[in-house]
Amino acid sequence: MNSVEIQEVKAKELEELVLMARKSFLEAFTAGNKIENVYAYLDEAFTSPQFQKEFQNPCSRFFVAKSAGKIIGYTKVNQVPAQTDIHDPRSLEISRLYVLEEYLGIGLGKSLLVYAFDFAKSQGLDYVWLGVWEKNARAIRFYEKNGLIKFGAHPFPFGDEIQTDWLMKKSV
């Protein structure tokens, strides 16, 4: 595999990011969910207009992992007031972290996570937090292995269901 670089997404890359994000979301969440709920959420949260709106928010940032010029993973982080919960000005929310299935297991998720931790430190923040679906055992193991601990939970509307996300955090 070619080397991977992580950088902030550029406006001209948003369409490619949306396509990659939709594909990785389908790979991650089709199993264990009603397909109509998966597509309802995709059509709400993973669209070009929605990504454009989030990209233009100065409190949100997208960092992409690229190999051979192609986006293969990304993370989206939020500072207050763009955060979905908590709203602590000392914190950074990792609201999304996805890697295409074919690149899982090579340390790319960890690289994106460390990049978010380093970004939080560079902003003078105290900790990073995120929400992860309680039934996503692989992601929970990954976050625990990288030092995040569960500290709560919150409801997550997903199509016609309300799922539970665990809240996890780590001091930086």
Protein backbone atom coordinates (compact mmCIF):
# COMPACT_ATOMS: atom_id res chain seq x y z
CA MET A 1 0.00 0.00 0.00
CA ASN A 2 1.08 3.56 -0.64
CA SER A 3 1.88 5.82 2.25
CA VAL A 4 -1.05 7.53 3.93
CA GLU A 5 -1.24 11.21 4.72
CA ILE A 6 -3.77 12.93 6.96
CA GLN A 7 -4.79 16.48 6.26
CA GLU A 8 -7.72 18.83 6.56
CA VAL A 9 -10.21 18.31 3.75
CA LYS A 10 -10.33 20.93 1.01
CA ALA A 11 -13.61 22.29 -0.38
CA LYS A 12 -12.91 20.69 -3.77
CA GLU A 13 -12.66 17.27 -2.06
CA LEU A 14 -16.08 17.37 -0.39
CA GLU A 15 -17.88 15.39 -3.10
CA GLU A 16 -15.27 12.61 -2.91
CA LEU A 17 -15.55 12.68 0.88
CA VAL A 18 -19.35 12.32 0.78
CA LEU A 19 -19.07 9.27 -1.50
CA MET A 20 -16.40 7.68 0.72
CA ALA A 21 -18.39 8.52 3.87
CA ARG A 22 -21.58 6.95 2.50
CA LYS A 23 -19.72 3.79 1.47
CA SER A 24 -17.96 3.41 4.82
CA PHE A 25 -21.20 4.05 6.73
CA LEU A 26 -22.96 1.33 4.73
CA GLU A 27 -20.07 -1.05 5.39
CA ALA A 28 -20.16 -0.32 9.12
CA PHE A 29 -23.89 -0.25 9.85
CA THR A 30 -25.84 -2.39 7.38
CA ALA A 31 -25.37 -5.49 9.56
CA GLY A 32 -27.57 -5.37 12.64
CA ASN A 33 -29.83 -2.55 11.43
CA LYS A 34 -32.98 -2.29 9.36
CA ILE A 35 -31.85 -1.27 5.87
CA GLU A 36 -34.57 1.38 5.60
CA ASN A 37 -33.18 3.04 8.77
CA VAL A 38 -29.65 2.95 7.37
CA TYR A 39 -30.76 4.69 4.18
CA ALA A 40 -32.98 7.16 6.02
CA TYR A 41 -29.98 8.22 8.11
CA LEU A 42 -27.69 8.35 5.05
CA ASP A 43 -30.18 10.60 3.29
CA GLU A 44 -30.32 12.89 6.33
CA ALA A 45 -26.69 13.08 7.48
CA PHE A 46 -24.50 11.92 4.57
CA THR A 47 -25.48 14.25 1.72
CA SER A 48 -23.52 16.87 -0.17
CA PRO A 49 -25.60 19.78 1.20
CA GLN A 50 -25.20 18.50 4.78
CA PHE A 51 -21.42 18.04 4.45
CA GLN A 52 -21.16 21.50 2.84
CA LYS A 53 -23.05 23.01 5.80
CA GLU A 54 -20.80 21.18 8.31
CA PHE A 55 -17.65 22.13 6.35
CA GLN A 56 -18.62 25.81 6.53
CA ASN A 57 -19.13 25.68 10.32
CA PRO A 58 -15.97 27.14 11.90
CA CYS A 59 -16.42 24.86 14.94
CA SER A 60 -16.30 21.65 12.85
CA ARG A 61 -13.32 20.20 10.99
CA PHE A 62 -12.91 17.24 8.64
CA PHE A 63 -9.56 15.46 8.51
CA VAL A 64 -9.08 12.93 5.72
CA ALA A 65 -6.66 10.05 5.29
CA LYS A 66 -5.47 9.76 1.70
CA SER A 67 -3.51 7.09 -0.13
CA ALA A 68 -2.42 7.63 -3.74
CA GLY A 69 -4.58 10.77 -3.76
CA LYS A 70 -7.75 8.88 -2.79
CA ILE A 71 -9.70 9.48 0.45
CA ILE A 72 -9.78 6.17 2.36
CA GLY A 73 -10.79 7.35 5.84
CA TYR A 74 -11.82 10.46 7.74
CA THR A 75 -12.70 11.94 11.06
CA LYS A 76 -14.95 14.88 11.81
CA VAL A 77 -14.42 16.81 15.03
CA ASN A 78 -16.59 19.43 16.72
CA GLN A 79 -15.85 22.15 19.22
CA VAL A 80 -18.56 24.02 21.12
CA PRO A 81 -21.18 24.99 19.93
CA ALA A 82 -21.18 22.42 17.09
CA GLN A 83 -21.06 19.46 19.51
CA THR A 84 -23.98 17.02 19.59
CA ASP A 85 -23.88 16.63 23.38
CA ILE A 86 -21.73 17.63 26.40
CA HIS A 87 -21.07 21.20 25.12
CA ASP A 88 -18.01 21.61 27.32
CA PRO A 89 -15.67 24.29 25.92
CA ARG A 90 -12.72 22.26 27.30
CA SER A 91 -13.60 19.31 25.05
CA LEU A 92 -13.42 18.13 21.46
CA GLU A 93 -16.07 15.78 20.10
CA ILE A 94 -15.08 13.17 17.55
CA SER A 95 -18.44 13.01 15.82
CA ARG A 96 -17.33 10.60 13.06
CA LEU A 97 -14.39 8.32 12.43
CA TYR A 98 -14.65 5.98 9.46
CA VAL A 99 -12.24 3.91 7.39
CA LEU A 100 -13.16 2.02 4.23
CA GLU A 101 -13.50 -1.70 5.00
CA GLU A 102 -10.63 -2.69 2.71
CA TYR A 103 -8.25 -0.55 4.82
CA LEU A 104 -9.34 -1.80 8.26
CA GLY A 105 -6.66 -3.42 10.42
CA ILE A 106 -3.65 -1.43 9.15
CA GLY A 107 -3.68 1.22 11.89
CA LEU A 108 -5.49 3.91 9.91
CA GLY A 109 -8.26 4.34 12.51
CA LYS A 110 -5.63 4.79 15.22
CA SER A 111 -3.78 7.35 13.09
CA LEU A 112 -6.98 9.36 12.62
CA LEU A 113 -7.75 9.09 16.34
CA VAL A 114 -4.26 10.28 17.31
CA TYR A 115 -4.60 13.12 14.79
CA ALA A 116 -7.81 14.21 16.57
CA PHE A 117 -6.09 13.94 19.98
CA ASP A 118 -3.20 16.08 18.71
CA PHE A 119 -5.63 18.61 17.26
CA ALA A 120 -7.40 18.85 20.63
CA LYS A 121 -4.05 19.43 22.37
CA SER A 122 -3.11 22.10 19.82
CA GLN A 123 -6.37 23.90 20.63
CA GLY A 124 -5.60 23.83 24.38
CA LEU A 125 -8.46 21.44 25.14
CA ASP A 126 -8.52 18.99 28.07
CA TYR A 127 -10.25 15.93 26.66
CA VAL A 128 -11.79 14.25 23.64
CA TRP A 129 -15.15 12.48 23.73
CA LEU A 130 -17.37 10.59 21.33
CA GLY A 131 -20.56 8.58 21.06
CA VAL A 132 -20.42 4.98 19.82
CA TRP A 133 -23.37 2.65 19.18
CA GLU A 134 -23.65 0.28 22.12
CA LYS A 135 -23.88 -2.70 19.72
CA ASN A 136 -20.73 -1.79 17.78
CA ALA A 137 -18.42 -4.11 19.72
CA ARG A 138 -15.51 -3.72 17.31
CA ALA A 139 -15.51 0.07 17.62
CA ILE A 140 -15.90 -0.07 21.41
CA ARG A 141 -12.89 -2.43 21.68
CA PHE A 142 -10.91 -0.10 19.41
CA TYR A 143 -11.70 2.96 21.51
CA GLU A 144 -11.00 1.15 24.80
CA LYS A 145 -7.69 -0.11 23.41
CA ASN A 146 -6.81 3.51 22.64
CA GLY A 147 -7.54 4.77 26.15
CA LEU A 148 -11.13 5.99 25.98
CA ILE A 149 -13.42 5.10 28.87
CA LYS A 150 -17.20 4.97 29.05
CA PHE A 151 -18.72 7.77 31.10
CA GLY A 152 -22.36 7.84 30.04
CA ALA A 153 -24.86 7.24 27.28
CA HIS A 154 -27.32 9.16 25.15
CA PRO A 155 -30.20 8.37 22.79
CA PHE A 156 -29.44 8.38 19.07
CA PRO A 157 -32.37 8.70 16.63
CA PHE A 158 -31.84 6.26 13.75
CA GLY A 159 -34.69 6.02 11.28
CA ASP A 160 -37.76 4.77 13.15
CA GLU A 161 -35.70 3.67 16.20
CA ILE A 162 -34.00 5.31 19.11
CA GLN A 163 -30.66 3.59 19.66
CA THR A 164 -28.23 4.08 22.54
CA ASP A 165 -24.76 5.47 22.06
CA TRP A 166 -22.17 5.05 24.76
CA LEU A 167 -20.27 8.22 25.57
CA MET A 168 -16.51 7.64 25.88
CA LYS A 169 -13.69 10.06 26.64
CA LYS A 170 -9.97 10.44 27.07
CA SER A 171 -7.89 13.24 28.55
CA VAL A 172 -5.36 14.76 26.23
